[in-house]
């Protein structure tokens, strides 16, 4: 598991817990549809903001093309690919 993946999963769990009061169940990142992840739009905004604080970048802002991940695996992959481009 990459450090980026670990950070995203840990941050996701923190955000879900802060919003719902319960720790989320394990999330299969390749098959879990983002809309079914337990986060609403505010939760995703909080997640992306916290990840920007952790990584020092927001791939959604820095990307030259609009990207809308469908699964949690797509979301993680987008961060990993962007981090690789940054070096």
C-alpha atoms as a PDB file:
ATOM      1  CA  UNK A   1       0.000   0.000   0.000  1.00  0.00           C
ATOM      2  CA  UNK A   2       1.444   3.359  -1.013  1.00  0.00           C
ATOM      3  CA  UNK A   3       1.823   6.190   1.529  1.00  0.00           C
ATOM      4  CA  UNK A   4      -0.682   8.250  -0.480  1.00  0.00           C
ATOM      5  CA  UNK A   5      -3.246   5.443  -0.364  1.00  0.00           C
ATOM      6  CA  UNK A   6      -2.699   5.019   3.394  1.00  0.00           C
ATOM      7  CA  UNK A   7      -3.135   8.742   4.010  1.00  0.00           C
ATOM      8  CA  UNK A   8      -6.288   8.935   1.890  1.00  0.00           C
ATOM      9  CA  UNK A   9      -7.886   5.929   3.594  1.00  0.00           C
ATOM     10  CA  UNK A  10      -7.015   7.219   7.085  1.00  0.00           C
ATOM     11  CA  UNK A  11      -8.266  10.713   6.294  1.00  0.00           C
ATOM     12  CA  UNK A  12     -11.442   9.311   4.733  1.00  0.00           C
ATOM     13  CA  UNK A  13     -12.132   7.305   7.904  1.00  0.00           C
ATOM     14  CA  UNK A  14     -11.585  10.410  10.068  1.00  0.00           C
ATOM     15  CA  UNK A  15     -13.969  12.516   7.976  1.00  0.00           C
ATOM     16  CA  UNK A  16     -16.697   9.848   7.937  1.00  0.00           C
ATOM     17  CA  UNK A  17     -16.353   9.383  11.685  1.00  0.00           C
ATOM     18  CA  UNK A  18     -16.531  13.128  12.330  1.00  0.00           C
ATOM     19  CA  UNK A  19     -19.692  13.403  10.216  1.00  0.00           C
ATOM     20  CA  UNK A  20     -21.531  10.262  11.302  1.00  0.00           C
ATOM     21  CA  UNK A  21     -20.023   9.500  14.691  1.00  0.00           C
ATOM     22  CA  UNK A  22     -19.189   5.938  13.619  1.00  0.00           C
ATOM     23  CA  UNK A  23     -16.084   4.413  12.114  1.00  0.00           C
ATOM     24  CA  UNK A  24     -16.732   3.404   8.478  1.00  0.00           C
ATOM     25  CA  UNK A  25     -16.618  -0.205   7.379  1.00  0.00           C
ATOM     26  CA  UNK A  26     -13.684  -1.280   5.222  1.00  0.00           C
ATOM     27  CA  UNK A  27     -14.055   0.295   1.819  1.00  0.00           C
ATOM     28  CA  UNK A  28     -13.017  -1.730  -1.239  1.00  0.00           C
ATOM     29  CA  UNK A  29     -11.475   1.137  -3.192  1.00  0.00           C
ATOM     30  CA  UNK A  30     -11.772  -0.443  -6.646  1.00  0.00           C
ATOM     31  CA  UNK A  31     -15.454  -1.319  -6.450  1.00  0.00           C
ATOM     32  CA  UNK A  32     -16.837   1.273  -4.055  1.00  0.00           C
ATOM     33  CA  UNK A  33     -18.779   3.934  -5.887  1.00  0.00           C
ATOM     34  CA  UNK A  34     -17.910   7.343  -4.466  1.00  0.00           C
ATOM     35  CA  UNK A  35     -21.563   8.269  -4.083  1.00  0.00           C
ATOM     36  CA  UNK A  36     -21.980   5.250  -1.782  1.00  0.00           C
ATOM     37  CA  UNK A  37     -18.907   5.922   0.353  1.00  0.00           C
ATOM     38  CA  UNK A  38     -20.770   7.545   3.235  1.00  0.00           C
ATOM     39  CA  UNK A  39     -19.729  11.104   2.408  1.00  0.00           C
ATOM     40  CA  UNK A  40     -21.972  13.844   1.109  1.00  0.00           C
ATOM     41  CA  UNK A  41     -20.670  16.794  -0.932  1.00  0.00           C
ATOM     42  CA  UNK A  42     -19.565  18.656   2.210  1.00  0.00           C
ATOM     43  CA  UNK A  43     -17.757  15.524   3.392  1.00  0.00           C
ATOM     44  CA  UNK A  44     -15.885  15.282   0.088  1.00  0.00           C
ATOM     45  CA  UNK A  45     -14.950  18.955   0.292  1.00  0.00           C
ATOM     46  CA  UNK A  46     -13.581  18.372   3.783  1.00  0.00           C
ATOM     47  CA  UNK A  47     -11.709  15.253   2.606  1.00  0.00           C
ATOM     48  CA  UNK A  48     -10.096  17.054  -0.351  1.00  0.00           C
ATOM     49  CA  UNK A  49      -9.161  20.025   1.867  1.00  0.00           C
ATOM     50  CA  UNK A  50      -7.537  17.779   4.465  1.00  0.00           C
ATOM     51  CA  UNK A  51      -5.692  15.880   1.756  1.00  0.00           C
ATOM     52  CA  UNK A  52      -4.410  19.163   0.333  1.00  0.00           C
ATOM     53  CA  UNK A  53      -3.091  20.018   3.794  1.00  0.00           C
ATOM     54  CA  UNK A  54      -1.401  16.606   4.020  1.00  0.00           C
ATOM     55  CA  UNK A  55       0.066  16.454   0.513  1.00  0.00           C
ATOM     56  CA  UNK A  56       0.552  20.122  -0.328  1.00  0.00           C
ATOM     57  CA  UNK A  57      -1.464  19.875  -3.534  1.00  0.00           C
ATOM     58  CA  UNK A  58      -5.009  19.473  -4.827  1.00  0.00           C
ATOM     59  CA  UNK A  59      -5.001  17.505  -8.083  1.00  0.00           C
ATOM     60  CA  UNK A  60      -8.510  18.726  -8.919  1.00  0.00           C
ATOM     61  CA  UNK A  61      -7.307  22.343  -8.918  1.00  0.00           C
ATOM     62  CA  UNK A  62      -3.961  21.659 -10.575  1.00  0.00           C
ATOM     63  CA  UNK A  63      -5.288  19.408 -13.342  1.00  0.00           C
ATOM     64  CA  UNK A  64      -5.740  21.027 -16.738  1.00  0.00           C
ATOM     65  CA  UNK A  65      -8.810  18.856 -17.436  1.00  0.00           C
ATOM     66  CA  UNK A  66     -11.936  18.266 -15.369  1.00  0.00           C
ATOM     67  CA  UNK A  67     -11.872  14.818 -13.780  1.00  0.00           C
ATOM     68  CA  UNK A  68     -14.714  13.087 -11.973  1.00  0.00           C
ATOM     69  CA  UNK A  69     -13.672   9.804 -10.341  1.00  0.00           C
ATOM     70  CA  UNK A  70     -16.416   7.193 -10.180  1.00  0.00           C
ATOM     71  CA  UNK A  71     -14.951   4.750  -7.668  1.00  0.00           C
ATOM     72  CA  UNK A  72     -12.867   5.256  -4.575  1.00  0.00           C
ATOM     73  CA  UNK A  73     -10.038   3.501  -6.433  1.00  0.00           C
ATOM     74  CA  UNK A  74     -10.278   6.129  -9.197  1.00  0.00           C
ATOM     75  CA  UNK A  75     -10.082   8.854  -6.534  1.00  0.00           C
ATOM     76  CA  UNK A  76      -6.941   7.344  -4.969  1.00  0.00           C
ATOM     77  CA  UNK A  77      -5.397   6.691  -8.378  1.00  0.00           C
ATOM     78  CA  UNK A  78      -5.905  10.326  -9.366  1.00  0.00           C
ATOM     79  CA  UNK A  79      -3.943  11.444  -6.313  1.00  0.00           C
ATOM     80  CA  UNK A  80      -1.214   8.855  -6.900  1.00  0.00           C
ATOM     81  CA  UNK A  81      -0.841   9.783 -10.585  1.00  0.00           C
ATOM     82  CA  UNK A  82      -0.702  13.482  -9.797  1.00  0.00           C
ATOM     83  CA  UNK A  83       1.897  12.940  -7.051  1.00  0.00           C
ATOM     84  CA  UNK A  84       4.030  10.939  -9.506  1.00  0.00           C
ATOM     85  CA  UNK A  85       3.919  13.807 -12.012  1.00  0.00           C
ATOM     86  CA  UNK A  86       5.058  16.227  -9.306  1.00  0.00           C
ATOM     87  CA  UNK A  87       8.081  14.020  -8.637  1.00  0.00           C
END
